[in-house]
Protein backbone atom coordinates (compact mmCIF):
# COMPACT_ATOMS: atom_id res chain seq x y z
CA MET A 1 2.97 80.14 70.22
CA LYS A 2 4.62 76.90 69.10
CA ARG A 3 4.09 75.40 65.68
CA MET A 4 1.42 72.73 65.44
CA ARG A 5 2.89 69.26 65.79
CA LEU A 6 1.11 66.15 64.72
CA ARG A 7 0.85 63.73 67.62
CA MET A 8 0.94 60.29 66.09
CA ARG A 9 1.82 56.99 67.61
CA PRO A 10 4.82 55.41 65.95
CA ARG A 11 4.25 52.20 64.07
CA SER A 12 6.41 49.20 64.69
CA ARG A 13 8.58 48.52 61.71
CA SER A 14 10.46 45.29 61.07
CA LYS A 15 13.18 47.00 59.01
CA PRO A 16 14.12 50.64 58.43
CA ARG A 17 12.81 52.40 55.34
CA ASP A 18 15.29 52.80 52.51
CA ARG A 19 15.46 56.51 51.65
CA LYS A 20 17.45 56.16 48.43
CA GLY A 21 15.56 57.56 45.48
CA PRO A 22 11.89 58.46 45.10
CA PRO A 23 9.36 55.72 45.83
CA VAL A 24 7.23 54.35 43.05
CA LEU A 25 3.97 54.41 44.92
CA ARG A 26 1.99 52.14 42.65
CA GLU A 27 4.51 49.39 43.31
CA MET A 28 4.42 49.88 47.08
CA SER A 29 2.02 48.08 49.36
CA LEU A 30 -0.81 50.09 50.89
CA GLU A 31 0.84 49.87 54.31
CA ALA A 32 4.15 51.09 52.90
CA CYS A 33 2.40 54.13 51.33
CA GLU A 34 0.73 54.88 54.67
CA ASP A 35 3.98 54.53 56.63
CA LEU A 36 5.99 56.62 54.18
CA GLY A 37 3.37 59.36 54.11
CA GLU A 38 3.21 59.54 57.90
CA ASP A 39 7.01 59.57 58.20
CA LEU A 40 7.36 62.34 55.62
CA LEU A 41 4.73 64.42 57.39
CA ARG A 42 6.53 64.03 60.72
CA GLU A 43 9.72 65.16 58.99
CA GLY A 44 8.00 68.28 57.66
CA GLN A 45 7.93 67.19 54.02
CA VAL A 46 4.24 67.96 53.67
CA GLU A 47 3.94 67.96 49.88
CA ALA A 48 5.71 64.61 49.54
CA ALA A 49 3.65 63.21 52.39
CA LEU A 50 0.43 64.31 50.72
CA TYR A 51 1.46 62.52 47.53
CA CYS A 52 1.89 59.23 49.45
CA LEU A 53 -1.17 59.68 51.62
CA ARG A 54 -3.37 60.56 48.64
CA GLU A 55 -2.28 57.28 47.05
CA ALA A 56 -3.28 55.43 50.24
CA MET A 57 -6.64 57.23 50.28
CA GLU A 58 -7.29 56.34 46.65
CA ARG A 59 -6.60 52.70 47.50
CA GLY A 60 -9.20 52.91 50.26
CA THR A 61 -7.12 52.86 53.43
CA ARG A 62 -9.06 52.32 56.64
CA ASP A 63 -6.06 53.08 58.86
CA PRO A 64 -7.06 56.00 61.11
CA ARG A 65 -3.43 57.16 61.38
CA ALA A 66 -3.09 57.48 57.61
CA ARG A 67 -6.48 59.21 57.28
CA LYS A 68 -5.55 61.63 60.07
CA ALA A 69 -2.20 62.36 58.42
CA TYR A 70 -3.96 62.97 55.07
CA VAL A 71 -6.35 65.53 56.60
CA HIS A 72 -3.44 67.13 58.48
CA ALA A 73 -1.37 67.47 55.29
CA MET A 74 -4.31 68.94 53.35
CA VAL A 75 -4.98 71.49 56.07
CA MET A 76 -1.30 72.43 56.31
CA LEU A 77 -0.94 72.93 52.58
CA PHE A 78 -4.22 74.51 51.69
CA SER A 79 -5.89 76.17 54.66
CA GLU A 80 -5.14 79.83 55.05
CA VAL A 81 -7.93 80.41 57.54
CA GLU A 82 -6.08 79.54 60.75
CA ALA A 83 -2.47 79.43 59.56
CA ASP A 84 -1.47 82.24 61.90
CA ILE A 85 -2.68 80.39 65.00
CA LEU A 86 -1.14 77.09 63.97
CA GLY A 87 2.16 78.65 62.96
CA ILE A 88 2.14 77.14 59.50
CA GLU A 89 2.96 78.61 56.15
CA THR A 90 0.51 77.76 53.41
CA LYS A 91 1.96 76.92 50.03
CA LYS A 92 1.54 78.79 46.77
CA LEU A 93 0.64 77.13 43.48
CA ARG A 94 1.41 78.99 40.26
CA GLY A 95 1.50 82.30 42.05
CA GLU A 96 -1.95 81.90 43.58
CA PRO A 97 -2.66 81.08 47.22
CA ALA A 98 -3.16 77.34 47.41
CA GLY A 99 -6.32 77.87 49.43
CA GLU A 100 -7.90 79.53 46.42
CA VAL A 101 -6.88 76.66 44.17
CA LEU A 102 -8.30 74.01 46.49
CA ASP A 103 -10.98 76.08 48.13
CA THR A 104 -13.98 74.22 46.79
CA ARG A 105 -16.76 73.55 49.20
CA GLU A 106 -16.95 69.91 48.09
CA THR A 107 -13.29 69.27 48.92
CA TRP A 108 -13.58 70.76 52.40
CA GLU A 109 -16.91 69.01 53.02
CA SER A 110 -15.30 65.67 52.15
CA LEU A 111 -12.35 66.46 54.43
CA ALA A 112 -14.80 67.39 57.19
CA MET A 113 -16.54 64.02 56.77
CA LEU A 114 -13.22 62.19 56.81
CA SER A 115 -12.01 64.04 59.89
CA SER A 116 -15.35 63.33 61.59
CA ASP A 117 -14.88 59.62 60.87
CA ASN A 118 -11.36 59.85 62.31
CA ALA A 119 -12.67 61.45 65.50
CA ARG A 120 -15.32 58.74 65.87
CA GLU A 121 -12.85 55.90 65.31
CA TRP A 122 -10.04 57.46 67.36
CA PRO A 123 -11.89 59.57 69.96
CA GLU A 124 -9.02 59.80 72.46
CA ASP A 125 -6.87 61.97 70.16
CA PRO A 126 -7.45 65.75 70.46
CA ASP A 127 -5.76 66.36 67.09
CA ASN A 128 -8.65 64.67 65.34
CA TYR A 129 -11.02 67.27 66.80
CA LEU A 130 -8.65 70.11 65.95
CA LEU A 131 -8.43 68.98 62.32
CA HIS A 132 -12.18 68.41 62.14
CA GLY A 133 -12.83 71.92 63.44
CA LEU A 134 -10.44 73.41 60.88
CA CYS A 135 -12.25 71.66 58.04
CA LEU A 136 -15.62 72.82 59.35
CA VAL A 137 -14.40 76.43 59.54
CA GLN A 138 -13.41 76.24 55.87
CA VAL A 139 -17.05 75.67 54.93
CA GLY A 140 -18.45 78.19 57.39
CA ARG A 141 -19.80 75.67 59.91
CA HIS A 142 -18.46 77.57 62.92
CA ALA A 143 -20.95 76.25 65.49
CA GLU A 144 -19.94 72.66 64.69
CA ALA A 145 -16.28 73.69 64.77
CA ILE A 146 -16.81 75.09 68.27
CA GLU A 147 -18.15 71.73 69.39
CA ALA A 148 -15.17 69.92 67.83
CA TYR A 149 -12.71 72.26 69.53
CA ARG A 150 -14.49 71.80 72.88
CA ARG A 151 -14.24 68.02 72.56
CA GLY A 152 -10.53 68.32 71.83
CA LEU A 153 -10.06 70.61 74.84
CA ALA A 154 -11.89 68.13 77.05
CA LEU A 155 -9.13 65.66 76.17
CA ASP A 156 -6.26 68.15 76.40
CA PRO A 157 -7.23 71.29 78.36
CA SER A 158 -3.73 72.76 77.98
CA ASP A 159 -3.72 72.78 74.15
CA GLU A 160 -3.13 76.42 73.21
CA HIS A 161 -4.02 75.85 69.55
CA LEU A 162 -7.43 74.47 70.43
CA LYS A 163 -8.06 77.35 72.84
CA ALA A 164 -7.18 79.96 70.22
CA LEU A 165 -9.18 78.24 67.50
CA LEU A 166 -12.18 77.92 69.81
CA GLN A 167 -12.02 81.62 70.61
CA ARG A 168 -11.80 82.54 66.92
CA ALA A 169 -14.75 80.30 66.02
CA GLN A 170 -16.84 81.78 68.82
CA GLU A 171 -16.06 85.28 67.53
CA ALA A 172 -17.13 84.26 64.03
CA VAL A 173 -20.47 83.00 65.37
CA ARG A 174 -21.08 86.28 67.20
CA ARG A 175 -20.55 88.33 64.01
């Protein structure tokens, strides 16, 4: 199965981003933080992307692309639940699985709320439902995850990740 790829619409940019040296996020505009975080995530630099996107979230971004990218980065770094299906490697922090470090119910509940908002504001994107389902699984809300995966599949019936995640969530409900 292929690795999960974030499907994001490119933003128009008046000039290319200068990649020399690390950005000083507090000095960057909110839009620049959002753009940089999304670009870094697309390039596979998940930890750096999360740093930028967290800054945008703390400043109160309402951009659905940035919020989606933030949830995506958090799931990629810290979720070990479905990493095998998505083809991602979760990171380790100080020798411990990152999922254990971040695995607080409050964190995943807040990510589930954020991903739900993303799905409501950007309902035509199946990735929003995939990410929402992943967050719901983290807190044991498998029935709601099933519904999220079904909504995503209604938009993209060929998505193998959604199919596999739906099947796994249905098995968890049966147990």
